[in-house]
Amino acid sequence: MLSEKWRIQRQTEEIKQENVDKTRRRHSAHTSCEQVTRFSSTSAKEANDHKQLTRAESSLRIVMFLSCWGPN
């Protein structure tokens, strides 16, 4: 009787621990996906910002050139 109770209690604890482990793995995987997505979107945003800055600099160069050397 006592050994049966002990066995059931142990199985219950093992099941609880398995559930905790599964939850942690799911949370860890979700966090990793979020970090990758955040990193990807940050990199894409930085690349877009860099392109926009390059275009703005180019436009400014053209305006400066034309204002100094263009037809008057």
C-alpha atoms as a PDB file:
ATOM      1  CA  MET A   1       0.000   0.000   0.000  1.00  0.00           C
ATOM      2  CA  LEU A   2       2.701   2.478   0.970  1.00  0.00           C
ATOM      3  CA  SER A   3       4.891   1.559  -1.995  1.00  0.00           C
ATOM      4  CA  GLU A   4       1.885   2.017  -4.311  1.00  0.00           C
ATOM      5  CA  LYS A   5       1.270   5.522  -2.938  1.00  0.00           C
ATOM      6  CA  TRP A   6       4.948   6.330  -3.298  1.00  0.00           C
ATOM      7  CA  ARG A   7       4.966   5.071  -6.899  1.00  0.00           C
ATOM      8  CA  ILE A   8       1.880   7.140  -7.807  1.00  0.00           C
ATOM      9  CA  GLN A   9       3.343  10.217  -6.132  1.00  0.00           C
ATOM     10  CA  ARG A  10       6.607   9.777  -8.006  1.00  0.00           C
ATOM     11  CA  GLN A  11       4.795   9.370 -11.339  1.00  0.00           C
ATOM     12  CA  THR A  12       2.780  12.502 -10.623  1.00  0.00           C
ATOM     13  CA  GLU A  13       5.937  14.464  -9.876  1.00  0.00           C
ATOM     14  CA  GLU A  14       7.576  13.179 -13.057  1.00  0.00           C
ATOM     15  CA  ILE A  15       4.557  14.237 -15.126  1.00  0.00           C
ATOM     16  CA  LYS A  16       4.580  17.687 -13.509  1.00  0.00           C
ATOM     17  CA  GLN A  17       8.291  18.047 -14.248  1.00  0.00           C
ATOM     18  CA  GLU A  18       7.773  16.971 -17.875  1.00  0.00           C
ATOM     19  CA  ASN A  19       5.047  19.611 -18.250  1.00  0.00           C
ATOM     20  CA  VAL A  20       7.322  22.264 -16.772  1.00  0.00           C
ATOM     21  CA  ASP A  21      10.128  21.227 -19.137  1.00  0.00           C
ATOM     22  CA  LYS A  22       7.798  21.330 -22.164  1.00  0.00           C
ATOM     23  CA  THR A  23       6.597  24.796 -21.182  1.00  0.00           C
ATOM     24  CA  ARG A  24      10.167  26.029 -20.801  1.00  0.00           C
ATOM     25  CA  ARG A  25      11.161  24.611 -24.191  1.00  0.00           C
ATOM     26  CA  ARG A  26       8.145  26.247 -25.849  1.00  0.00           C
ATOM     27  CA  HIS A  27       8.911  29.560 -24.167  1.00  0.00           C
ATOM     28  CA  SER A  28      12.573  29.311 -25.138  1.00  0.00           C
ATOM     29  CA  ALA A  29      11.719  28.551 -28.779  1.00  0.00           C
ATOM     30  CA  HIS A  30       9.216  31.415 -28.869  1.00  0.00           C
ATOM     31  CA  THR A  31      11.774  33.809 -27.377  1.00  0.00           C
ATOM     32  CA  SER A  32      14.378  32.717 -29.914  1.00  0.00           C
ATOM     33  CA  CYS A  33      11.943  33.321 -32.778  1.00  0.00           C
ATOM     34  CA  GLU A  34      11.121  36.745 -31.394  1.00  0.00           C
ATOM     35  CA  GLN A  35      14.802  37.628 -31.150  1.00  0.00           C
ATOM     36  CA  VAL A  36      15.481  36.503 -34.715  1.00  0.00           C
ATOM     37  CA  THR A  37      12.461  38.420 -35.996  1.00  0.00           C
ATOM     38  CA  ARG A  38      13.440  41.499 -34.039  1.00  0.00           C
ATOM     39  CA  PHE A  39      17.029  41.254 -35.305  1.00  0.00           C
ATOM     40  CA  SER A  40      15.856  40.733 -38.895  1.00  0.00           C
ATOM     41  CA  SER A  41      13.465  43.648 -38.812  1.00  0.00           C
ATOM     42  CA  THR A  42      16.109  45.847 -37.176  1.00  0.00           C
ATOM     43  CA  SER A  43      18.657  44.933 -39.836  1.00  0.00           C
ATOM     44  CA  ALA A  44      16.135  45.527 -42.618  1.00  0.00           C
ATOM     45  CA  LYS A  45      15.203  48.874 -41.102  1.00  0.00           C
ATOM     46  CA  GLU A  46      18.857  49.874 -40.800  1.00  0.00           C
ATOM     47  CA  ALA A  47      19.468  48.869 -44.423  1.00  0.00           C
ATOM     48  CA  ASN A  48      16.428  50.882 -45.530  1.00  0.00           C
ATOM     49  CA  ASP A  49      17.582  53.871 -43.474  1.00  0.00           C
ATOM     50  CA  HIS A  50      21.039  53.607 -45.042  1.00  0.00           C
ATOM     51  CA  LYS A  51      19.581  53.563 -48.575  1.00  0.00           C
ATOM     52  CA  GLN A  52      17.398  56.552 -47.783  1.00  0.00           C
ATOM     53  CA  LEU A  53      20.370  58.438 -46.330  1.00  0.00           C
ATOM     54  CA  THR A  54      22.466  57.630 -49.417  1.00  0.00           C
ATOM     55  CA  ARG A  55      19.713  58.941 -51.711  1.00  0.00           C
ATOM     56  CA  ALA A  56      19.369  62.110 -49.640  1.00  0.00           C
ATOM     57  CA  GLU A  57      23.128  62.730 -49.761  1.00  0.00           C
ATOM     58  CA  SER A  58      23.147  62.178 -53.509  1.00  0.00           C
ATOM     59  CA  SER A  59      20.282  64.611 -54.005  1.00  0.00           C
ATOM     60  CA  LEU A  60      22.011  67.198 -51.847  1.00  0.00           C
ATOM     61  CA  ARG A  61      25.224  66.821 -53.869  1.00  0.00           C
ATOM     62  CA  ILE A  62      23.316  67.386 -57.109  1.00  0.00           C
ATOM     63  CA  VAL A  63      21.541  70.449 -55.719  1.00  0.00           C
ATOM     64  CA  MET A  64      24.834  71.890 -54.420  1.00  0.00           C
ATOM     65  CA  PHE A  65      26.574  71.228 -57.732  1.00  0.00           C
ATOM     66  CA  LEU A  66      23.802  72.802 -59.780  1.00  0.00           C
ATOM     67  CA  SER A  67      23.551  75.812 -57.480  1.00  0.00           C
ATOM     68  CA  CYS A  68      27.292  76.450 -57.842  1.00  0.00           C
ATOM     69  CA  TRP A  69      27.902  75.427 -61.466  1.00  0.00           C
ATOM     70  CA  GLY A  70      24.524  75.226 -63.144  1.00  0.00           C
ATOM     71  CA  PRO A  71      23.150  77.632 -65.689  1.00  0.00           C
ATOM     72  CA  ASN A  72      22.166  80.998 -64.312  1.00  0.00           C
END
